[in-house]
């Protein structure tokens, strides 16, 4: 579990950087911005965010690991 601001900062930074690289280095960098946007869209429907899981696994930026499925008994 992460503070939503962490994920928003990551997404915003990646989109800005990929747009700058797309204009200055190669048009192929726009694919990164499209990927980040698509990930944000699917996250709004499913609630699943790969970045949040990765940050939680490494306990980065104050994120906690997602709760594993527990067995009763």
N, C-alpha and C. Protein backbone atom coordinates (compact mmCIF):
# COMPACT_ATOMS: atom_id res chain seq x y z
N UNK A 1 0.84 -1.17 0.00
CA UNK A 1 0.00 0.00 0.00
C UNK A 1 0.89 1.24 0.00
N UNK A 2 0.59 2.14 -0.90
CA UNK A 2 1.37 3.38 -1.01
C UNK A 2 0.44 4.58 -0.88
N UNK A 3 1.04 5.67 -0.52
CA UNK A 3 0.34 6.95 -0.61
C UNK A 3 0.10 7.22 -2.09
N UNK A 4 -1.12 7.54 -2.51
CA UNK A 4 -1.39 7.78 -3.94
C UNK A 4 -0.49 8.85 -4.56
N UNK A 5 -0.01 9.78 -3.74
CA UNK A 5 0.86 10.83 -4.29
C UNK A 5 2.16 10.25 -4.84
N UNK A 6 2.64 9.15 -4.25
CA UNK A 6 3.86 8.51 -4.74
C UNK A 6 3.65 8.02 -6.17
N UNK A 7 2.54 7.34 -6.40
CA UNK A 7 2.24 6.81 -7.73
C UNK A 7 2.00 7.94 -8.71
N UNK A 8 1.30 8.98 -8.29
CA UNK A 8 1.03 10.12 -9.18
C UNK A 8 2.33 10.84 -9.56
N UNK A 9 3.23 10.97 -8.60
CA UNK A 9 4.52 11.61 -8.89
C UNK A 9 5.33 10.79 -9.88
N UNK A 10 5.34 9.48 -9.68
CA UNK A 10 6.07 8.61 -10.60
C UNK A 10 5.48 8.71 -12.01
N UNK A 11 4.16 8.61 -12.12
CA UNK A 11 3.52 8.66 -13.43
C UNK A 11 3.75 10.01 -14.11
N UNK A 12 3.59 11.08 -13.38
CA UNK A 12 3.81 12.41 -13.94
C UNK A 12 5.23 12.61 -14.40
N UNK A 13 6.18 12.16 -13.60
CA UNK A 13 7.59 12.28 -13.98
C UNK A 13 7.90 11.48 -15.23
N UNK A 14 7.40 10.25 -15.30
CA UNK A 14 7.66 9.41 -16.47
C UNK A 14 7.04 10.01 -17.73
N UNK A 15 5.85 10.57 -17.62
CA UNK A 15 5.20 11.15 -18.79
C UNK A 15 5.95 12.39 -19.27
N UNK A 16 6.35 13.25 -18.35
CA UNK A 16 7.09 14.46 -18.74
C UNK A 16 8.44 14.10 -19.36
N UNK A 17 9.16 13.18 -18.73
CA UNK A 17 10.47 12.78 -19.26
C UNK A 17 10.33 12.12 -20.63
N UNK A 18 9.35 11.24 -20.78
CA UNK A 18 9.18 10.58 -22.07
C UNK A 18 8.74 11.56 -23.15
N UNK A 19 7.94 12.55 -22.80
CA UNK A 19 7.55 13.56 -23.78
C UNK A 19 8.76 14.40 -24.21
N UNK A 20 9.58 14.80 -23.24
CA UNK A 20 10.80 15.55 -23.58
C UNK A 20 11.73 14.73 -24.46
N UNK A 21 11.92 13.46 -24.10
CA UNK A 21 12.77 12.60 -24.91
C UNK A 21 12.17 12.35 -26.29
N UNK A 22 10.84 12.28 -26.35
CA UNK A 22 10.18 12.08 -27.63
C UNK A 22 10.38 13.24 -28.58
N UNK A 23 10.39 14.45 -28.04
CA UNK A 23 10.61 15.63 -28.88
C UNK A 23 12.08 15.84 -29.23
N UNK A 24 12.99 15.43 -28.35
CA UNK A 24 14.39 15.75 -28.56
C UNK A 24 15.24 14.58 -29.06
N UNK A 25 14.92 13.34 -28.68
CA UNK A 25 15.78 12.21 -29.01
C UNK A 25 15.19 11.34 -30.11
N UNK A 26 14.04 10.74 -29.81
CA UNK A 26 13.41 9.83 -30.76
C UNK A 26 11.91 9.80 -30.51
N UNK A 27 11.17 9.70 -31.58
CA UNK A 27 9.70 9.64 -31.48
C UNK A 27 9.24 8.39 -30.73
N UNK A 28 10.08 7.39 -30.67
CA UNK A 28 9.72 6.13 -30.00
C UNK A 28 9.54 6.29 -28.49
N UNK A 29 10.09 7.35 -27.91
CA UNK A 29 9.91 7.59 -26.48
C UNK A 29 8.45 7.91 -26.12
N UNK A 30 7.65 8.32 -27.09
CA UNK A 30 6.24 8.59 -26.82
C UNK A 30 5.50 7.31 -26.43
N UNK A 31 6.05 6.17 -26.80
CA UNK A 31 5.44 4.89 -26.41
C UNK A 31 5.44 4.73 -24.89
N UNK A 32 6.47 5.22 -24.22
CA UNK A 32 6.50 5.15 -22.76
C UNK A 32 5.38 5.97 -22.15
N UNK A 33 5.15 7.17 -22.68
CA UNK A 33 4.06 8.00 -22.18
C UNK A 33 2.71 7.31 -22.40
N UNK A 34 2.55 6.67 -23.56
CA UNK A 34 1.31 5.95 -23.84
C UNK A 34 1.13 4.77 -22.89
N UNK A 35 2.21 4.07 -22.60
CA UNK A 35 2.15 2.94 -21.67
C UNK A 35 1.76 3.40 -20.27
N UNK A 36 2.36 4.47 -19.80
CA UNK A 36 2.05 4.99 -18.47
C UNK A 36 0.58 5.43 -18.41
N UNK A 37 0.12 6.12 -19.45
CA UNK A 37 -1.28 6.54 -19.50
C UNK A 37 -2.24 5.36 -19.50
N UNK A 38 -1.91 4.32 -20.28
CA UNK A 38 -2.76 3.13 -20.31
C UNK A 38 -2.78 2.43 -18.95
N UNK A 39 -1.64 2.41 -18.28
CA UNK A 39 -1.57 1.80 -16.96
C UNK A 39 -2.42 2.58 -15.96
N UNK A 40 -2.39 3.91 -16.03
CA UNK A 40 -3.23 4.72 -15.14
C UNK A 40 -4.71 4.47 -15.41
N UNK A 41 -5.06 4.32 -16.68
CA UNK A 41 -6.45 4.06 -17.03
C UNK A 41 -6.90 2.71 -16.48
N UNK A 42 -6.10 1.66 -16.70
CA UNK A 42 -6.52 0.34 -16.19
C UNK A 42 -6.54 0.33 -14.68
N UNK A 43 -5.63 1.08 -14.03
CA UNK A 43 -5.62 1.14 -12.57
C UNK A 43 -6.91 1.78 -12.04
N UNK A 44 -7.46 2.74 -12.78
CA UNK A 44 -8.69 3.38 -12.32
C UNK A 44 -9.87 2.41 -12.33
N UNK A 45 -9.81 1.40 -13.18
CA UNK A 45 -10.89 0.41 -13.25
C UNK A 45 -10.66 -0.78 -12.32
N UNK A 46 -9.41 -1.26 -12.26
CA UNK A 46 -9.13 -2.50 -11.53
C UNK A 46 -8.57 -2.29 -10.14
N UNK A 47 -7.92 -1.14 -9.90
CA UNK A 47 -7.30 -0.90 -8.61
C UNK A 47 -5.93 -1.56 -8.49
N UNK A 48 -5.47 -2.25 -9.52
CA UNK A 48 -4.17 -2.92 -9.51
C UNK A 48 -3.12 -2.02 -10.13
N UNK A 49 -2.02 -1.80 -9.42
CA UNK A 49 -0.94 -0.96 -9.92
C UNK A 49 0.38 -1.70 -9.75
N UNK A 50 1.03 -2.06 -10.87
CA UNK A 50 2.31 -2.77 -10.76
C UNK A 50 3.37 -1.98 -10.00
N UNK A 51 3.43 -0.68 -10.20
CA UNK A 51 4.44 0.13 -9.51
C UNK A 51 4.23 0.07 -8.00
N UNK A 52 2.99 0.09 -7.57
CA UNK A 52 2.69 0.03 -6.14
C UNK A 52 3.15 -1.31 -5.56
N UNK A 53 2.96 -2.38 -6.31
CA UNK A 53 3.40 -3.70 -5.84
C UNK A 53 4.92 -3.77 -5.75
N UNK A 54 5.60 -3.20 -6.76
CA UNK A 54 7.06 -3.22 -6.76
C UNK A 54 7.61 -2.38 -5.61
N UNK A 55 7.07 -1.18 -5.42
CA UNK A 55 7.51 -0.33 -4.32
C UNK A 55 7.25 -1.00 -2.98
N UNK A 56 6.09 -1.66 -2.84
CA UNK A 56 5.77 -2.35 -1.61
C UNK A 56 6.71 -3.51 -1.33
N UNK A 57 7.08 -4.23 -2.38
CA UNK A 57 7.99 -5.36 -2.22
C UNK A 57 9.34 -4.91 -1.68
N UNK A 58 9.83 -3.78 -2.19
CA UNK A 58 11.12 -3.27 -1.75
C UNK A 58 11.02 -2.27 -0.59
N UNK A 59 9.79 -2.03 -0.13
CA UNK A 59 9.52 -1.08 0.96
C UNK A 59 10.11 0.29 0.66
N UNK A 60 9.98 0.71 -0.59
CA UNK A 60 10.51 1.99 -1.03
C UNK A 60 9.46 3.09 -0.85
N UNK A 61 9.91 4.29 -0.57
CA UNK A 61 9.06 5.47 -0.44
C UNK A 61 7.96 5.31 0.59
N UNK A 62 8.21 4.52 1.61
CA UNK A 62 7.23 4.34 2.67
C UNK A 62 6.09 3.41 2.33
N UNK A 63 6.20 2.67 1.22
CA UNK A 63 5.15 1.74 0.81
C UNK A 63 5.28 0.43 1.60
N UNK A 64 4.14 -0.20 1.82
CA UNK A 64 4.10 -1.48 2.51
C UNK A 64 3.71 -2.57 1.53
N UNK A 65 4.19 -3.80 1.73
CA UNK A 65 3.80 -4.90 0.85
C UNK A 65 2.30 -5.15 0.92
N UNK A 66 1.75 -5.58 -0.21
CA UNK A 66 0.33 -5.95 -0.24
C UNK A 66 0.13 -7.19 0.62
N UNK A 67 -1.01 -7.30 1.24
CA UNK A 67 -1.30 -8.46 2.08
C UNK A 67 -1.43 -9.70 1.22
N UNK A 68 -0.73 -10.74 1.61
CA UNK A 68 -0.82 -12.02 0.90
C UNK A 68 -2.13 -12.69 1.27
N UNK A 69 -2.57 -13.59 0.39
CA UNK A 69 -3.78 -14.36 0.70
C UNK A 69 -3.49 -15.26 1.89
N UNK A 70 -4.39 -15.24 2.84
CA UNK A 70 -4.20 -16.02 4.05
C UNK A 70 -5.16 -17.20 4.04
N UNK A 71 -4.66 -18.29 4.54
CA UNK A 71 -5.51 -19.49 4.68
C UNK A 71 -6.09 -19.51 6.09
N UNK A 72 -7.33 -19.90 6.19
CA UNK A 72 -7.95 -20.02 7.50
C UNK A 72 -7.63 -21.40 8.04
N UNK A 73 -7.02 -21.44 9.20
CA UNK A 73 -6.79 -22.72 9.83
C UNK A 73 -5.41 -23.04 10.00
